C-alpha atoms as a PDB file:
ATOM      1  CA  MET A   1      54.137 -97.476 -82.950  1.00  0.00           C
ATOM      2  CA  GLU A   2      56.604-100.404 -82.544  1.00  0.00           C
ATOM      3  CA  ARG A   3      56.341-101.222 -86.272  1.00  0.00           C
ATOM      4  CA  VAL A   4      57.038 -97.640 -87.181  1.00  0.00           C
ATOM      5  CA  SER A   5      60.087 -97.541 -84.947  1.00  0.00           C
ATOM      6  CA  VAL A   6      61.380-100.772 -86.446  1.00  0.00           C
ATOM      7  CA  LEU A   7      60.853 -99.399 -89.947  1.00  0.00           C
ATOM      8  CA  CYS A   8      62.716 -96.200 -89.151  1.00  0.00           C
ATOM      9  CA  LEU A   9      65.644 -98.108 -87.594  1.00  0.00           C
ATOM     10  CA  SER A  10      65.784-100.429 -90.575  1.00  0.00           C
ATOM     11  CA  LEU A  11      65.889 -97.534 -92.985  1.00  0.00           C
ATOM     12  CA  LEU A  12      68.589 -95.827 -90.969  1.00  0.00           C
ATOM     13  CA  PHE A  13      70.565 -99.021 -90.824  1.00  0.00           C
ATOM     14  CA  CYS A  14      70.261 -99.443 -94.573  1.00  0.00           C
ATOM     15  CA  SER A  15      71.366 -95.872 -95.174  1.00  0.00           C
ATOM     16  CA  LEU A  16      74.354 -96.201 -92.890  1.00  0.00           C
ATOM     17  CA  SER A  17      75.350 -99.507 -94.451  1.00  0.00           C
ATOM     18  CA  GLY A  18      75.129 -98.074 -97.941  1.00  0.00           C
ATOM     19  CA  ALA A  19      77.224 -95.024 -96.952  1.00  0.00           C
ATOM     20  CA  GLU A  20      79.868 -97.197 -95.286  1.00  0.00           C
ATOM     21  CA  LEU A  21      80.023 -99.411 -98.345  1.00  0.00           C
ATOM     22  CA  GLN A  22      80.512 -96.387-100.627  1.00  0.00           C
ATOM     23  CA  ASP A  23      83.352 -95.079 -98.396  1.00  0.00           C
ATOM     24  CA  ASN A  24      85.112 -98.420 -98.449  1.00  0.00           C
ATOM     25  CA  GLU A  25      84.724 -98.596-102.174  1.00  0.00           C
ATOM     26  CA  ILE A  26      86.307 -95.172-102.609  1.00  0.00           C
ATOM     27  CA  ILE A  27      89.261 -96.139-100.380  1.00  0.00           C
ATOM     28  CA  GLU A  28      89.778 -99.399-102.185  1.00  0.00           C
ATOM     29  CA  GLN A  29      89.653 -97.629-105.547  1.00  0.00           C
ATOM     30  CA  ARG A  30      92.484 -95.361-104.434  1.00  0.00           C
ATOM     31  CA  GLU A  31      94.590 -98.280-103.261  1.00  0.00           C
ATOM     32  CA  VAL A  32      93.767-100.803-105.984  1.00  0.00           C
ATOM     33  CA  SER A  33      93.397-100.316-109.612  1.00  0.00           C
ATOM     34  CA  PRO A  34      89.949-100.673-111.154  1.00  0.00           C
ATOM     35  CA  GLU A  35      91.039-103.673-113.207  1.00  0.00           C
ATOM     36  CA  SER A  36      91.956-105.779-110.225  1.00  0.00           C
ATOM     37  CA  VAL A  37      88.826-105.162-108.156  1.00  0.00           C
ATOM     38  CA  ASN A  38      85.453-106.843-108.505  1.00  0.00           C
ATOM     39  CA  VAL A  39      82.720-104.348-107.240  1.00  0.00           C
ATOM     40  CA  PRO A  40      79.924-106.271-105.397  1.00  0.00           C
ATOM     41  CA  GLU A  41      76.389-105.417-106.346  1.00  0.00           C
ATOM     42  CA  PRO A  42      74.184-103.692-103.579  1.00  0.00           C
ATOM     43  CA  GLN A  43      72.059-105.964-101.369  1.00  0.00           C
ATOM     44  CA  PRO A  44      68.419-105.216-100.911  1.00  0.00           C
ATOM     45  CA  CYS A  45      67.105-104.096 -97.368  1.00  0.00           C
ATOM     46  CA  PRO A  46      65.691-107.107 -95.545  1.00  0.00           C
ATOM     47  CA  SER A  47      62.594-105.265 -94.173  1.00  0.00           C
ATOM     48  CA  ASP A  48      59.353-105.965 -95.932  1.00  0.00           C
ATOM     49  CA  LEU A  49      58.038-102.405 -96.177  1.00  0.00           C
ATOM     50  CA  HIS A  50      54.828-103.403 -97.954  1.00  0.00           C
ATOM     51  CA  ALA A  51      53.868-105.753 -95.209  1.00  0.00           C
ATOM     52  CA  VAL A  52      54.472-103.164 -92.559  1.00  0.00           C
ATOM     53  CA  LEU A  53      52.462-100.599 -94.434  1.00  0.00           C
ATOM     54  CA  ARG A  54      49.601-103.079 -94.901  1.00  0.00           C
ATOM     55  CA  GLU A  55      49.599-103.850 -91.157  1.00  0.00           C
ATOM     56  CA  MET A  56      49.672-100.148 -90.342  1.00  0.00           C
ATOM     57  CA  SER A  57      46.791 -99.494 -92.673  1.00  0.00           C
ATOM     58  CA  VAL A  58      44.706-102.212 -90.994  1.00  0.00           C
ATOM     59  CA  LYS A  59      45.435-100.694 -87.565  1.00  0.00           C
ATOM     60  CA  LEU A  60      44.665 -97.245 -88.821  1.00  0.00           C
ATOM     61  CA  ALA A  61      41.327 -98.480 -90.147  1.00  0.00           C
ATOM     62  CA  LYS A  62      40.511-100.015 -86.755  1.00  0.00           C
ATOM     63  CA  TYR A  63      41.426 -96.758 -84.996  1.00  0.00           C
ATOM     64  CA  GLU A  64      39.173 -94.840 -87.361  1.00  0.00           C
ATOM     65  CA  VAL A  65      36.292 -97.179 -86.552  1.00  0.00           C
ATOM     66  CA  LYS A  66      36.927 -96.735 -82.865  1.00  0.00           C
ATOM     67  CA  LEU A  67      37.124 -93.020 -83.316  1.00  0.00           C
ATOM     68  CA  GLU A  68      33.825 -92.934 -85.136  1.00  0.00           C
ATOM     69  CA  HIS A  69      32.277 -95.020 -82.384  1.00  0.00           C
ATOM     70  CA  LEU A  70      33.626 -92.635 -79.791  1.00  0.00           C
ATOM     71  CA  GLN A  71      32.293 -89.645 -81.753  1.00  0.00           C
ATOM     72  CA  THR A  72      28.892 -91.282 -82.009  1.00  0.00           C
ATOM     73  CA  LEU A  73      28.950 -92.014 -78.293  1.00  0.00           C
ATOM     74  CA  ASN A  74      29.946 -88.465 -77.607  1.00  0.00           C
ATOM     75  CA  GLN A  75      27.070 -87.132 -79.710  1.00  0.00           C
ATOM     76  CA  GLU A  76      24.642 -89.371 -77.838  1.00  0.00           C
ATOM     77  CA  GLN A  77      25.995 -88.113 -74.529  1.00  0.00           C
ATOM     78  CA  ASN A  78      25.706 -84.495 -75.682  1.00  0.00           C
ATOM     79  CA  ALA A  79      22.103 -85.144 -76.775  1.00  0.00           C
ATOM     80  CA  LYS A  80      21.265 -86.660 -73.321  1.00  0.00           C
ATOM     81  CA  LEU A  81      23.007 -83.693 -71.623  1.00  0.00           C
ATOM     82  CA  ALA A  82      20.973 -81.241 -73.681  1.00  0.00           C
ATOM     83  CA  LYS A  83      17.765 -83.061 -72.766  1.00  0.00           C
ATOM     84  CA  ASN A  84      18.712 -83.001 -69.068  1.00  0.00           C
ATOM     85  CA  GLU A  85      19.558 -79.305 -69.313  1.00  0.00           C
ATOM     86  CA  PHE A  86      16.216 -78.611 -70.921  1.00  0.00           C
ATOM     87  CA  LYS A  87      14.445 -80.571 -68.136  1.00  0.00           C
ATOM     88  CA  ILE A  88      16.375 -78.579 -65.543  1.00  0.00           C
ATOM     89  CA  GLU A  89      15.337 -75.318 -67.198  1.00  0.00           C
ATOM     90  CA  GLN A  90      11.696 -76.488 -67.203  1.00  0.00           C
ATOM     91  CA  LEU A  91      11.906 -77.415 -63.531  1.00  0.00           C
ATOM     92  CA  GLN A  92      13.497 -74.062 -62.749  1.00  0.00           C
ATOM     93  CA  THR A  93      10.758 -72.231 -64.655  1.00  0.00           C
ATOM     94  CA  LEU A  94       8.106 -74.319 -62.906  1.00  0.00           C
ATOM     95  CA  ASN A  95       9.737 -73.572 -59.527  1.00  0.00           C
ATOM     96  CA  GLN A  96       9.778 -69.882 -60.304  1.00  0.00           C
ATOM     97  CA  GLU A  97       6.078 -69.941 -61.303  1.00  0.00           C
ATOM     98  CA  GLN A  98       5.163 -71.857 -58.148  1.00  0.00           C
ATOM     99  CA  ALA A  99       7.176 -69.444 -56.058  1.00  0.00           C
ATOM    100  CA  ALA A 100       5.392 -66.491 -57.697  1.00  0.00           C
ATOM    101  CA  LYS A 101       2.002 -68.153 -57.091  1.00  0.00           C
ATOM    102  CA  LEU A 102       2.938 -68.848 -53.501  1.00  0.00           C
ATOM    103  CA  LYS A 103       3.992 -65.235 -53.037  1.00  0.00           C
ATOM    104  CA  GLN A 104       0.716 -64.050 -54.581  1.00  0.00           C
ATOM    105  CA  LEU A 105      -1.298 -66.389 -52.329  1.00  0.00           C
ATOM    106  CA  GLU A 106       0.606 -65.115 -49.277  1.00  0.00           C
ATOM    107  CA  LYS A 107      -0.034 -61.545 -50.346  1.00  0.00           C
ATOM    108  CA  GLN A 108      -3.724 -62.290 -50.885  1.00  0.00           C
ATOM    109  CA  SER A 109      -3.906 -64.063 -47.524  1.00  0.00           C
ATOM    110  CA  SER A 110      -2.210 -61.130 -45.818  1.00  0.00           C
ATOM    111  CA  HIS A 111      -4.531 -58.699 -47.595  1.00  0.00           C
ATOM    112  CA  MET A 112      -7.538 -60.733 -46.506  1.00  0.00           C
ATOM    113  CA  ASP A 113      -6.269 -60.837 -42.912  1.00  0.00           C
ATOM    114  CA  SER A 114      -5.664 -57.102 -43.058  1.00  0.00           C
ATOM    115  CA  GLN A 115      -9.179 -56.552 -44.488  1.00  0.00           C
ATOM    116  CA  GLN A 116     -10.653 -58.718 -41.822  1.00  0.00           C
ATOM    117  CA  GLN A 117      -8.871 -56.819 -39.121  1.00  0.00           C
ATOM    118  CA  VAL A 118      -9.654 -53.296 -40.441  1.00  0.00           C
ATOM    119  CA  GLY A 119     -13.130 -54.435 -41.396  1.00  0.00           C
ATOM    120  CA  GLN A 120     -13.984 -54.591 -37.701  1.00  0.00           C
ATOM    121  CA  VAL A 121     -14.689 -50.882 -37.326  1.00  0.00           C
ATOM    122  CA  ALA A 122     -17.958 -49.724 -35.774  1.00  0.00           C
ATOM    123  CA  PHE A 123     -19.111 -47.394 -33.046  1.00  0.00           C
ATOM    124  CA  SER A 124     -22.241 -46.035 -31.461  1.00  0.00           C
ATOM    125  CA  ALA A 125     -22.505 -43.428 -28.677  1.00  0.00           C
ATOM    126  CA  SER A 126     -25.091 -41.235 -26.968  1.00  0.00           C
ATOM    127  CA  LEU A 127     -24.617 -37.574 -26.214  1.00  0.00           C
ATOM    128  CA  LEU A 128     -24.681 -37.999 -22.444  1.00  0.00           C
ATOM    129  CA  ALA A 129     -23.169 -40.848 -20.539  1.00  0.00           C
ATOM    130  CA  SER A 130     -25.401 -40.083 -17.541  1.00  0.00           C
ATOM    131  CA  GLY A 131     -27.834 -37.421 -16.313  1.00  0.00           C
ATOM    132  CA  SER A 132     -30.091 -35.297 -18.492  1.00  0.00           C
ATOM    133  CA  GLY A 133     -30.314 -31.775 -19.925  1.00  0.00           C
ATOM    134  CA  HIS A 134     -29.631 -29.543 -22.866  1.00  0.00           C
ATOM    135  CA  THR A 135     -26.309 -28.811 -24.524  1.00  0.00           C
ATOM    136  CA  GLY A 136     -26.091 -25.311 -25.934  1.00  0.00           C
ATOM    137  CA  PRO A 137     -26.840 -22.803 -27.177  1.00  0.00           C
ATOM    138  CA  PHE A 138     -23.321 -21.534 -28.090  1.00  0.00           C
ATOM    139  CA  ASN A 139     -22.449 -18.424 -30.065  1.00  0.00           C
ATOM    140  CA  THR A 140     -20.395 -20.476 -32.610  1.00  0.00           C
ATOM    141  CA  HIS A 141     -20.665 -23.856 -34.247  1.00  0.00           C
ATOM    142  CA  THR A 142     -19.515 -26.391 -31.658  1.00  0.00           C
ATOM    143  CA  THR A 143     -18.313 -30.005 -32.066  1.00  0.00           C
ATOM    144  CA  LEU A 144     -20.568 -32.362 -30.170  1.00  0.00           C
ATOM    145  CA  VAL A 145     -18.833 -34.925 -27.972  1.00  0.00           C
ATOM    146  CA  PHE A 146     -20.935 -38.104 -27.598  1.00  0.00           C
ATOM    147  CA  ARG A 147     -19.592 -39.459 -24.346  1.00  0.00           C
ATOM    148  CA  GLY A 148     -21.961 -42.409 -23.666  1.00  0.00           C
ATOM    149  CA  VAL A 149     -20.082 -45.041 -25.696  1.00  0.00           C
ATOM    150  CA  VAL A 150     -22.268 -48.083 -26.453  1.00  0.00           C
ATOM    151  CA  SER A 151     -19.683 -49.757 -28.688  1.00  0.00           C
ATOM    152  CA  ASN A 152     -16.368 -48.707 -30.197  1.00  0.00           C
ATOM    153  CA  ILE A 153     -14.961 -51.655 -32.195  1.00  0.00           C
ATOM    154  CA  GLY A 154     -11.614 -50.742 -33.587  1.00  0.00           C
ATOM    155  CA  ASN A 155     -11.396 -47.617 -31.398  1.00  0.00           C
ATOM    156  CA  ALA A 156     -11.788 -45.287 -34.384  1.00  0.00           C
ATOM    157  CA  TYR A 157     -14.117 -43.023 -32.442  1.00  0.00           C
ATOM    158  CA  ASN A 158     -12.654 -40.766 -29.760  1.00  0.00           C
ATOM    159  CA  PRO A 159     -15.217 -40.195 -26.919  1.00  0.00           C
ATOM    160  CA  HIS A 160     -13.079 -37.315 -25.587  1.00  0.00           C
ATOM    161  CA  THR A 161     -13.156 -35.226 -28.810  1.00  0.00           C
ATOM    162  CA  GLY A 162     -16.280 -36.596 -30.553  1.00  0.00           C
ATOM    163  CA  ILE A 163     -14.229 -37.257 -33.756  1.00  0.00           C
ATOM    164  CA  PHE A 164     -14.192 -40.457 -35.804  1.00  0.00           C
ATOM    165  CA  THR A 165     -10.930 -41.107 -37.689  1.00  0.00           C
ATOM    166  CA  ALA A 166     -10.953 -43.548 -40.597  1.00  0.00           C
ATOM    167  CA  PRO A 167      -8.255 -46.218 -40.061  1.00  0.00           C
ATOM    168  CA  VAL A 168      -8.207 -47.318 -43.718  1.00  0.00           C
ATOM    169  CA  ARG A 169      -9.498 -46.212 -47.075  1.00  0.00           C
ATOM    170  CA  GLY A 170     -13.008 -47.478 -47.577  1.00  0.00           C
ATOM    171  CA  ALA A 171     -16.740 -46.879 -47.670  1.00  0.00           C
ATOM    172  CA  TYR A 172     -18.244 -45.869 -44.315  1.00  0.00           C
ATOM    173  CA  HIS A 173     -21.838 -45.343 -43.289  1.00  0.00           C
ATOM    174  CA  PHE A 174     -22.884 -42.843 -40.590  1.00  0.00           C
ATOM    175  CA  GLU A 175     -26.191 -42.150 -38.894  1.00  0.00           C
ATOM    176  CA  PHE A 176     -27.152 -39.647 -36.207  1.00  0.00           C
ATOM    177  CA  HIS A 177     -30.382 -38.956 -34.293  1.00  0.00           C
ATOM    178  CA  VAL A 178     -30.870 -35.715 -32.373  1.00  0.00           C
ATOM    179  CA  TYR A 179     -33.566 -34.658 -29.915  1.00  0.00           C
ATOM    180  CA  ALA A 180     -34.581 -31.235 -28.477  1.00  0.00           C
ATOM    181  CA  GLU A 181     -37.359 -29.399 -26.711  1.00  0.00           C
ATOM    182  CA  GLY A 182     -39.702 -27.364 -28.930  1.00  0.00           C
ATOM    183  CA  GLY A 183     -39.777 -23.626 -28.986  1.00  0.00           C
ATOM    184  CA  SER A 184     -36.923 -21.188 -29.554  1.00  0.00           C
ATOM    185  CA  PRO A 185     -34.244 -21.901 -30.391  1.00  0.00           C
ATOM    186  CA  GLY A 186     -34.725 -24.825 -32.724  1.00  0.00           C
ATOM    187  CA  LEU A 187     -32.345 -27.742 -33.360  1.00  0.00           C
ATOM    188  CA  ARG A 188     -29.675 -27.889 -36.075  1.00  0.00           C
ATOM    189  CA  VAL A 189     -26.894 -30.483 -36.193  1.00  0.00           C
ATOM    190  CA  GLY A 190     -24.618 -30.948 -39.175  1.00  0.00           C
ATOM    191  CA  LEU A 191     -22.298 -33.802 -40.150  1.00  0.00           C
ATOM    192  CA  GLU A 192     -18.851 -32.719 -41.362  1.00  0.00           C
ATOM    193  CA  LYS A 193     -16.054 -34.473 -43.123  1.00  0.00           C
ATOM    194  CA  ASN A 194     -12.613 -32.963 -42.608  1.00  0.00           C
ATOM    195  CA  GLY A 195     -14.272 -29.704 -41.502  1.00  0.00           C
ATOM    196  CA  GLU A 196     -16.579 -29.522 -44.570  1.00  0.00           C
ATOM    197  CA  HIS A 197     -20.328 -29.620 -44.173  1.00  0.00           C
ATOM    198  CA  VAL A 198     -21.964 -32.756 -45.636  1.00  0.00           C
ATOM    199  CA  LEU A 199     -25.583 -32.856 -44.401  1.00  0.00           C
ATOM    200  CA  MET A 200     -27.880 -31.728 -41.572  1.00  0.00           C
ATOM    201  CA  ALA A 201     -30.681 -32.856 -39.293  1.00  0.00           C
ATOM    202  CA  GLY A 202     -32.953 -30.621 -37.106  1.00  0.00           C
ATOM    203  CA  GLU A 203     -36.411 -29.752 -35.826  1.00  0.00           C
ATOM    204  CA  ASP A 204     -38.498 -26.730 -35.354  1.00  0.00           C
ATOM    205  CA  GLN A 205     -41.774 -26.791 -33.366  1.00  0.00           C
ATOM    206  CA  SER A 206     -43.540 -24.465 -30.979  1.00  0.00           C
ATOM    207  CA  ASN A 207     -43.822 -26.819 -28.012  1.00  0.00           C
ATOM    208  CA  GLY A 208     -43.070 -30.311 -26.800  1.00  0.00           C
ATOM    209  CA  PHE A 209     -40.032 -32.326 -27.867  1.00  0.00           C
ATOM    210  CA  GLY A 210     -38.958 -32.975 -31.460  1.00  0.00           C
ATOM    211  CA  SER A 211     -36.267 -35.025 -33.191  1.00  0.00           C
ATOM    212  CA  GLY A 212     -34.406 -35.149 -36.417  1.00  0.00           C
ATOM    213  CA  SER A 213     -32.140 -37.805 -38.051  1.00  0.00           C
ATOM    214  CA  ASN A 214     -30.035 -38.328 -41.114  1.00  0.00           C
ATOM    215  CA  GLY A 215     -27.491 -40.757 -42.554  1.00  0.00           C
ATOM    216  CA  VAL A 216     -24.869 -40.910 -45.301  1.00  0.00           C
ATOM    217  CA  THR A 217     -22.302 -43.256 -46.848  1.00  0.00           C
ATOM    218  CA  LEU A 218     -18.916 -41.653 -47.444  1.00  0.00           C
ATOM    219  CA  LEU A 219     -15.702 -42.714 -49.226  1.00  0.00           C
ATOM    220  CA  LEU A 220     -12.955 -41.922 -46.704  1.00  0.00           C
ATOM    221  CA  GLU A 221      -9.222 -42.043 -47.031  1.00  0.00           C
ATOM    222  CA  ALA A 222      -7.160 -43.293 -44.116  1.00  0.00           C
ATOM    223  CA  GLY A 223      -6.893 -40.414 -41.662  1.00  0.00           C
ATOM    224  CA  ASP A 224     -10.098 -38.614 -42.751  1.00  0.00           C
ATOM    225  CA  VAL A 225     -12.234 -37.378 -39.856  1.00  0.00           C
ATOM    226  CA  VAL A 226     -16.010 -37.208 -39.404  1.00  0.00           C
ATOM    227  CA  PHE A 227     -17.925 -35.479 -36.589  1.00  0.00           C
ATOM    228  CA  LEU A 228     -21.129 -33.696 -35.703  1.00  0.00           C
ATOM    229  CA  ARG A 229     -21.453 -29.945 -34.982  1.00  0.00           C
ATOM    230  CA  LEU A 230     -24.198 -28.120 -33.140  1.00  0.00           C
ATOM    231  CA  TRP A 231     -24.915 -24.940 -35.018  1.00  0.00           C
ATOM    232  CA  ALA A 232     -24.539 -21.614 -33.318  1.00  0.00           C
ATOM    233  CA  ASN A 233     -27.485 -20.512 -31.130  1.00  0.00           C
ATOM    234  CA  ARG A 234     -29.023 -23.981 -31.151  1.00  0.00           C
ATOM    235  CA  ARG A 235     -29.454 -26.629 -28.474  1.00  0.00           C
ATOM    236  CA  ILE A 236     -29.760 -30.412 -28.173  1.00  0.00           C
ATOM    237  CA  TYR A 237     -31.229 -32.572 -25.449  1.00  0.00           C
ATOM    238  CA  ASP A 238     -30.401 -35.987 -24.029  1.00  0.00           C
ATOM    239  CA  ASP A 239     -31.070 -38.014 -20.887  1.00  0.00           C
ATOM    240  CA  SER A 240     -30.872 -41.595 -19.618  1.00  0.00           C
ATOM    241  CA  HIS A 241     -33.066 -42.767 -22.523  1.00  0.00           C
ATOM    242  CA  HIS A 242     -30.308 -41.685 -24.957  1.00  0.00           C
ATOM    243  CA  TYR A 243     -32.406 -39.920 -27.554  1.00  0.00           C
ATOM    244  CA  SER A 244     -29.447 -38.243 -29.225  1.00  0.00           C
ATOM    245  CA  THR A 245     -26.936 -40.716 -30.755  1.00  0.00           C
ATOM    246  CA  PHE A 246     -24.102 -40.853 -33.270  1.00  0.00           C
ATOM    247  CA  SER A 247     -23.148 -44.124 -35.041  1.00  0.00           C
ATOM    248  CA  GLY A 248     -20.919 -45.289 -37.858  1.00  0.00           C
ATOM    249  CA  HIS A 249     -19.213 -48.341 -39.309  1.00  0.00           C
ATOM    250  CA  LEU A 250     -16.962 -49.463 -42.135  1.00  0.00           C
ATOM    251  CA  LEU A 251     -18.899 -51.106 -44.981  1.00  0.00           C
ATOM    252  CA  PHE A 252     -15.826 -52.427 -46.814  1.00  0.00           C
ATOM    253  CA  PRO A 253     -12.238 -51.318 -47.364  1.00  0.00           C
ATOM    254  CA  MET A 254     -11.115 -50.151 -50.860  1.00  0.00           C
END
């Protein structure tokens, strides 16, 4: 930059000197006749322009080399940055995958805990909690309430209504055994799901005591109900030996 400035000042100085010289020559020509005046020849500018240009070219070449070096360095830095960004993207993707797996494992663990909790559903009860005697006959179908609770894991069976309510969707197995004195009327007990008849157990004999039993596996939705009904004009017997029982349990949730 200093050389350029010197060159420009030199050129300006030469121009001004030449112009001043021309003005002086014009004035002298007006005052003195051409014959009496010896016109001096113009002097060359003292600056060596070629040397300055050569020096500037050398510096320019050095700057170009430095610029190329900086461009190469910049490309290398950009390549490293791109690699780091790619690694960051890979780590983010891996983190997302691990987070999804962790969420899935937590969900599975929660589901297993839930299954374990709801899987603990089972009950067994006898018709009478104490005493002995017949129940019935009634003139309509009547829900039997098994009050002598032996077990009621999960509290899905209600000993006050005689109704079992499924806590979750799943496969449930039920069994019932009924006992009655022979003669008329005979014994008929039906198992019902949501008020619809599923199957029956009973006995008919002229004298003595007789029994009947049955069992079934049902697919129940959460909230479905299962209970036993004594048919109209029938009777059932129980005593402290607990001949008449109703049992059920969850096989597995679905």
